[in-house]
Structure formats: C-alpha cells, structure tokens
Amino acid sequence: MSEPNNDPLESVKAVAKQTIQVGTNTPFNAIRIYQKYAMALAMSSMQPPTTQCMVTRINASS
C-alpha cells in the first residue's frame, strides 16, 4: 500500500491524487474524454434510433 498505516481507503486516495487530475494524460481521463464524445454524438440527433432485424432460418441436420 502507498500509505504507512496500510489503510486501503487512504491508499486509494493517494493514488487518485497522483493519477486523476485535469490535464494529465491518464487512462481515466482518456475514458472520460471518449465518453463525453460518445454522448455528444448520441445526443446530437433528434431522430429516434432505428434497428433493422432480418429473420433467417438455418436448417441443421445430424
């Protein structure tokens, strides 16, 4: 653990202070940016989502 008293919560806080910072290139921040981009794309269209399904039959014989 990163803290001398081996408290798991304090260890997580210490790691978070080092890695979850605005402007720092971390996986957490990259995911946040991608999530914001995906939401912007999803919310930019006023049309309802459409789904097309094709039903096909596959015959299996033994």
PDB file of N, CA and C in Angstrom:
ATOM      1  N   MET A   1       0.844  -1.180   0.000  1.00  0.00           N
ATOM      2  CA  MET A   1       0.000   0.000   0.000  1.00  0.00           C
ATOM      3  C   MET A   1       0.885   1.238   0.000  1.00  0.00           C
ATOM      4  N   SER A   2       0.335   2.322  -0.446  1.00  0.00           N
ATOM      5  CA  SER A   2       1.139   3.523  -0.572  1.00  0.00           C
ATOM      6  C   SER A   2       1.212   4.338   0.719  1.00  0.00           C
ATOM      7  N   GLU A   3       0.394   4.037   1.682  1.00  0.00           N
ATOM      8  CA  GLU A   3       0.407   4.753   2.959  1.00  0.00           C
ATOM      9  C   GLU A   3       1.052   3.874   4.036  1.00  0.00           C
ATOM     10  N   PRO A   4       1.757   4.475   4.972  1.00  0.00           N
ATOM     11  CA  PRO A   4       2.429   3.694   6.008  1.00  0.00           C
ATOM     12  C   PRO A   4       1.483   2.919   6.913  1.00  0.00           C
ATOM     13  N   ASN A   5       0.272   3.419   7.120  1.00  0.00           N
ATOM     14  CA  ASN A   5      -0.648   2.735   8.032  1.00  0.00           C
ATOM     15  C   ASN A   5      -1.437   1.620   7.346  1.00  0.00           C
ATOM     16  N   ASN A   6      -1.200   1.383   6.064  1.00  0.00           N
ATOM     17  CA  ASN A   6      -1.842   0.309   5.291  1.00  0.00           C
ATOM     18  C   ASN A   6      -3.363   0.399   5.276  1.00  0.00           C
ATOM     19  N   ASP A   7      -3.890   1.596   5.335  1.00  0.00           N
ATOM     20  CA  ASP A   7      -5.331   1.805   5.240  1.00  0.00           C
ATOM     21  C   ASP A   7      -5.712   1.805   3.756  1.00  0.00           C
ATOM     22  N   PRO A   8      -6.550   0.866   3.313  1.00  0.00           N
ATOM     23  CA  PRO A   8      -6.887   0.782   1.888  1.00  0.00           C
ATOM     24  C   PRO A   8      -7.505   2.072   1.339  1.00  0.00           C
ATOM     25  N   LEU A   9      -8.378   2.701   2.099  1.00  0.00           N
ATOM     26  CA  LEU A   9      -9.008   3.930   1.630  1.00  0.00           C
ATOM     27  C   LEU A   9      -7.976   5.032   1.418  1.00  0.00           C
ATOM     28  N   GLU A  10      -7.056   5.171   2.339  1.00  0.00           N
ATOM     29  CA  GLU A  10      -6.017   6.187   2.203  1.00  0.00           C
ATOM     30  C   GLU A  10      -5.098   5.877   1.027  1.00  0.00           C
ATOM     31  N   SER A  11      -4.869   4.603   0.772  1.00  0.00           N
ATOM     32  CA  SER A  11      -4.052   4.214  -0.374  1.00  0.00           C
ATOM     33  C   SER A  11      -4.727   4.617  -1.690  1.00  0.00           C
ATOM     34  N   VAL A  12      -6.029   4.364  -1.774  1.00  0.00           N
ATOM     35  CA  VAL A  12      -6.767   4.739  -2.977  1.00  0.00           C
ATOM     36  C   VAL A  12      -6.761   6.252  -3.143  1.00  0.00           C
ATOM     37  N   LYS A  13      -6.946   6.977  -2.063  1.00  0.00           N
ATOM     38  CA  LYS A  13      -6.919   8.443  -2.134  1.00  0.00           C
ATOM     39  C   LYS A  13      -5.560   8.940  -2.630  1.00  0.00           C
ATOM     40  N   ALA A  14      -4.487   8.328  -2.154  1.00  0.00           N
ATOM     41  CA  ALA A  14      -3.144   8.751  -2.557  1.00  0.00           C
ATOM     42  C   ALA A  14      -2.913   8.506  -4.049  1.00  0.00           C
ATOM     43  N   VAL A  15      -3.348   7.352  -4.540  1.00  0.00           N
ATOM     44  CA  VAL A  15      -3.190   7.047  -5.965  1.00  0.00           C
ATOM     45  C   VAL A  15      -4.060   7.990  -6.800  1.00  0.00           C
ATOM     46  N   ALA A  16      -5.280   8.250  -6.331  1.00  0.00           N
ATOM     47  CA  ALA A  16      -6.180   9.141  -7.063  1.00  0.00           C
ATOM     48  C   ALA A  16      -5.596  10.547  -7.165  1.00  0.00           C
ATOM     49  N   LYS A  17      -4.984  11.018  -6.124  1.00  0.00           N
ATOM     50  CA  LYS A  17      -4.380  12.355  -6.162  1.00  0.00           C
ATOM     51  C   LYS A  17      -3.278  12.442  -7.214  1.00  0.00           C
ATOM     52  N   GLN A  18      -2.598  11.331  -7.455  1.00  0.00           N
ATOM     53  CA  GLN A  18      -1.499  11.319  -8.419  1.00  0.00           C
ATOM     54  C   GLN A  18      -1.995  11.128  -9.852  1.00  0.00           C
ATOM     55  N   THR A  19      -3.075  10.376 -10.043  1.00  0.00           N
ATOM     56  CA  THR A  19      -3.454   9.976 -11.398  1.00  0.00           C
ATOM     57  C   THR A  19      -4.709  10.635 -11.945  1.00  0.00           C
ATOM     58  N   ILE A  20      -5.639  11.021 -11.110  1.00  0.00           N
ATOM     59  CA  ILE A  20      -6.894  11.598 -11.596  1.00  0.00           C
ATOM     60  C   ILE A  20      -6.823  13.103 -11.444  1.00  0.00           C
ATOM     61  N   GLN A  21      -6.185  13.733 -12.426  1.00  0.00           N
ATOM     62  CA  GLN A  21      -6.021  15.178 -12.420  1.00  0.00           C
ATOM     63  C   GLN A  21      -6.365  15.716 -13.799  1.00  0.00           C
ATOM     64  N   VAL A  22      -6.978  16.873 -13.824  1.00  0.00           N
ATOM     65  CA  VAL A  22      -7.322  17.508 -15.088  1.00  0.00           C
ATOM     66  C   VAL A  22      -6.038  17.847 -15.840  1.00  0.00           C
ATOM     67  N   GLY A  23      -6.015  17.504 -17.124  1.00  0.00           N
ATOM     68  CA  GLY A  23      -4.860  17.821 -17.948  1.00  0.00           C
ATOM     69  C   GLY A  23      -3.774  16.768 -17.953  1.00  0.00           C
ATOM     70  N   THR A  24      -3.889  15.770 -17.097  1.00  0.00           N
ATOM     71  CA  THR A  24      -2.905  14.693 -17.048  1.00  0.00           C
ATOM     72  C   THR A  24      -3.345  13.587 -18.001  1.00  0.00           C
ATOM     73  N   ASN A  25      -2.441  13.058 -18.794  1.00  0.00           N
ATOM     74  CA  ASN A  25      -2.749  12.000 -19.741  1.00  0.00           C
ATOM     75  C   ASN A  25      -2.772  10.658 -19.015  1.00  0.00           C
ATOM     76  N   THR A  26      -3.958  10.279 -18.539  1.00  0.00           N
ATOM     77  CA  THR A  26      -4.124   9.008 -17.830  1.00  0.00           C
ATOM     78  C   THR A  26      -5.258   8.228 -18.478  1.00  0.00           C
ATOM     79  N   PRO A  27      -5.331   6.918 -18.258  1.00  0.00           N
ATOM     80  CA  PRO A  27      -6.451   6.138 -18.801  1.00  0.00           C
ATOM     81  C   PRO A  27      -7.812   6.666 -18.329  1.00  0.00           C
ATOM     82  N   PHE A  28      -7.899   7.077 -17.076  1.00  0.00           N
ATOM     83  CA  PHE A  28      -9.150   7.610 -16.550  1.00  0.00           C
ATOM     84  C   PHE A  28      -9.600   8.822 -17.354  1.00  0.00           C
ATOM     85  N   ASN A  29      -8.704   9.746 -17.588  1.00  0.00           N
ATOM     86  CA  ASN A  29      -9.051  10.951 -18.327  1.00  0.00           C
ATOM     87  C   ASN A  29      -9.383  10.643 -19.784  1.00  0.00           C
ATOM     88  N   ALA A  30      -8.684   9.693 -20.386  1.00  0.00           N
ATOM     89  CA  ALA A  30      -8.969   9.305 -21.774  1.00  0.00           C
ATOM     90  C   ALA A  30     -10.383   8.733 -21.881  1.00  0.00           C
ATOM     91  N   ILE A  31     -10.758   7.893 -20.940  1.00  0.00           N
ATOM     92  CA  ILE A  31     -12.103   7.312 -20.942  1.00  0.00           C
ATOM     93  C   ILE A  31     -13.144   8.405 -20.770  1.00  0.00           C
ATOM     94  N   ARG A  32     -12.882   9.361 -19.905  1.00  0.00           N
ATOM     95  CA  ARG A  32     -13.799  10.489 -19.701  1.00  0.00           C
ATOM     96  C   ARG A  32     -14.001  11.268 -21.000  1.00  0.00           C
ATOM     97  N   ILE A  33     -12.906  11.519 -21.713  1.00  0.00           N
ATOM     98  CA  ILE A  33     -12.990  12.267 -22.975  1.00  0.00           C
ATOM     99  C   ILE A  33     -13.790  11.479 -24.003  1.00  0.00           C
ATOM    100  N   TYR A  34     -13.516  10.175 -24.141  1.00  0.00           N
ATOM    101  CA  TYR A  34     -14.247   9.352 -25.098  1.00  0.00           C
ATOM    102  C   TYR A  34     -15.729   9.270 -24.739  1.00  0.00           C
ATOM    103  N   GLN A  35     -16.031   9.186 -23.447  1.00  0.00           N
ATOM    104  CA  GLN A  35     -17.426   9.112 -23.011  1.00  0.00           C
ATOM    105  C   GLN A  35     -18.162  10.407 -23.351  1.00  0.00           C
ATOM    106  N   LYS A  36     -17.513  11.544 -23.134  1.00  0.00           N
ATOM    107  CA  LYS A  36     -18.135  12.829 -23.473  1.00  0.00           C
ATOM    108  C   LYS A  36     -18.379  12.919 -24.981  1.00  0.00           C
ATOM    109  N   TYR A  37     -17.431  12.458 -25.777  1.00  0.00           N
ATOM    110  CA  TYR A  37     -17.570  12.470 -27.229  1.00  0.00           C
ATOM    111  C   TYR A  37     -18.727  11.575 -27.669  1.00  0.00           C
ATOM    112  N   ALA A  38     -18.802  10.373 -27.106  1.00  0.00           N
ATOM    113  CA  ALA A  38     -19.875   9.439 -27.456  1.00  0.00           C
ATOM    114  C   ALA A  38     -21.238  10.015 -27.073  1.00  0.00           C
ATOM    115  N   MET A  39     -21.338  10.641 -25.924  1.00  0.00           N
ATOM    116  CA  MET A  39     -22.604  11.247 -25.505  1.00  0.00           C
ATOM    117  C   MET A  39     -22.974  12.401 -26.427  1.00  0.00           C
ATOM    118  N   ALA A  40     -21.999  13.186 -26.844  1.00  0.00           N
ATOM    119  CA  ALA A  40     -22.281  14.300 -27.755  1.00  0.00           C
ATOM    120  C   ALA A  40     -22.820  13.777 -29.077  1.00  0.00           C
ATOM    121  N   LEU A  41     -22.249  12.691 -29.579  1.00  0.00           N
ATOM    122  CA  LEU A  41     -22.755  12.096 -30.815  1.00  0.00           C
ATOM    123  C   LEU A  41     -24.167  11.557 -30.626  1.00  0.00           C
ATOM    124  N   ALA A  42     -24.399  10.878 -29.517  1.00  0.00           N
ATOM    125  CA  ALA A  42     -25.710  10.283 -29.262  1.00  0.00           C
ATOM    126  C   ALA A  42     -26.787  11.347 -29.087  1.00  0.00           C
ATOM    127  N   MET A  43     -26.446  12.431 -28.447  1.00  0.00           N
ATOM    128  CA  MET A  43     -27.438  13.468 -28.161  1.00  0.00           C
ATOM    129  C   MET A  43     -27.594  14.484 -29.293  1.00  0.00           C
ATOM    130  N   SER A  44     -26.737  14.434 -30.308  1.00  0.00           N
ATOM    131  CA  SER A  44     -26.797  15.434 -31.369  1.00  0.00           C
ATOM    132  C   SER A  44     -27.929  15.176 -32.361  1.00  0.00           C
ATOM    133  N   SER A  45     -28.437  13.973 -32.411  1.00  0.00           N
ATOM    134  CA  SER A  45     -29.500  13.637 -33.355  1.00  0.00           C
ATOM    135  C   SER A  45     -30.848  13.628 -32.643  1.00  0.00           C
ATOM    136  N   MET A  46     -31.816  14.276 -33.271  1.00  0.00           N
ATOM    137  CA  MET A  46     -33.159  14.303 -32.689  1.00  0.00           C
ATOM    138  C   MET A  46     -34.009  13.131 -33.175  1.00  0.00           C
ATOM    139  N   GLN A  47     -33.510  12.374 -34.149  1.00  0.00           N
ATOM    140  CA  GLN A  47     -34.263  11.240 -34.666  1.00  0.00           C
ATOM    141  C   GLN A  47     -34.175  10.069 -33.695  1.00  0.00           C
ATOM    142  N   PRO A  48     -35.247   9.306 -33.568  1.00  0.00           N
ATOM    143  CA  PRO A  48     -35.188   8.123 -32.707  1.00  0.00           C
ATOM    144  C   PRO A  48     -34.270   7.072 -33.329  1.00  0.00           C
ATOM    145  N   PRO A  49     -33.654   6.254 -32.506  1.00  0.00           N
ATOM    146  CA  PRO A  49     -32.791   5.206 -33.055  1.00  0.00           C
ATOM    147  C   PRO A  49     -33.603   4.194 -33.854  1.00  0.00           C
ATOM    148  N   THR A  50     -32.993   3.658 -34.883  1.00  0.00           N
ATOM    149  CA  THR A  50     -33.670   2.650 -35.695  1.00  0.00           C
ATOM    150  C   THR A  50     -32.878   1.356 -35.646  1.00  0.00           C
ATOM    151  N   THR A  51     -33.601   0.269 -35.656  1.00  0.00           N
ATOM    152  CA  THR A  51     -32.981  -1.052 -35.636  1.00  0.00           C
ATOM    153  C   THR A  51     -33.642  -1.884 -36.720  1.00  0.00           C
ATOM    154  N   GLN A  52     -32.839  -2.553 -37.516  1.00  0.00           N
ATOM    155  CA  GLN A  52     -33.360  -3.434 -38.545  1.00  0.00           C
ATOM    156  C   GLN A  52     -32.999  -4.861 -38.189  1.00  0.00           C
ATOM    157  N   CYS A  53     -33.988  -5.719 -38.231  1.00  0.00           N
ATOM    158  CA  CYS A  53     -33.756  -7.132 -37.930  1.00  0.00           C
ATOM    159  C   CYS A  53     -34.141  -7.963 -39.148  1.00  0.00           C
ATOM    160  N   MET A  54     -33.290  -8.930 -39.445  1.00  0.00           N
ATOM    161  CA  MET A  54     -33.592  -9.863 -40.523  1.00  0.00           C
ATOM    162  C   MET A  54     -33.692 -11.257 -39.911  1.00  0.00           C
ATOM    163  N   VAL A  55     -34.803 -11.902 -40.184  1.00  0.00           N
ATOM    164  CA  VAL A  55     -35.004 -13.246 -39.651  1.00  0.00           C
ATOM    165  C   VAL A  55     -34.606 -14.230 -40.748  1.00  0.00           C
ATOM    166  N   THR A  56     -33.656 -15.084 -40.428  1.00  0.00           N
ATOM    167  CA  THR A  56     -33.245 -16.116 -41.375  1.00  0.00           C
ATOM    168  C   THR A  56     -33.355 -17.465 -40.694  1.00  0.00           C
ATOM    169  N   ARG A  57     -33.660 -18.468 -41.476  1.00  0.00           N
ATOM    170  CA  ARG A  57     -33.754 -19.826 -40.932  1.00  0.00           C
ATOM    171  C   ARG A  57     -32.538 -20.621 -41.389  1.00  0.00           C
ATOM    172  N   ILE A  58     -31.950 -21.270 -40.462  1.00  0.00           N
ATOM    173  CA  ILE A  58     -30.819 -22.131 -40.776  1.00  0.00           C
ATOM    174  C   ILE A  58     -31.210 -23.548 -40.367  1.00  0.00           C
ATOM    175  N   ASN A  59     -31.185 -24.455 -41.302  1.00  0.00           N
ATOM    176  CA  ASN A  59     -31.532 -25.853 -41.019  1.00  0.00           C
ATOM    177  C   ASN A  59     -30.277 -26.611 -40.637  1.00  0.00           C
ATOM    178  N   ALA A  60     -30.344 -27.306 -39.535  1.00  0.00           N
ATOM    179  CA  ALA A  60     -29.222 -28.133 -39.091  1.00  0.00           C
ATOM    180  C   ALA A  60     -29.674 -29.589 -39.073  1.00  0.00           C
ATOM    181  N   SER A  61     -28.847 -30.439 -39.605  1.00  0.00           N
ATOM    182  CA  SER A  61     -29.181 -31.864 -39.579  1.00  0.00           C
ATOM    183  C   SER A  61     -28.008 -32.629 -38.995  1.00  0.00           C
ATOM    184  N   SER A  62     -28.345 -33.742 -38.350  1.00  0.00           N
ATOM    185  CA  SER A  62     -27.277 -34.541 -37.747  1.00  0.00           C
ATOM    186  C   SER A  62     -27.038 -35.807 -38.521  1.00  0.00           C
TER     187      SER A  62
END
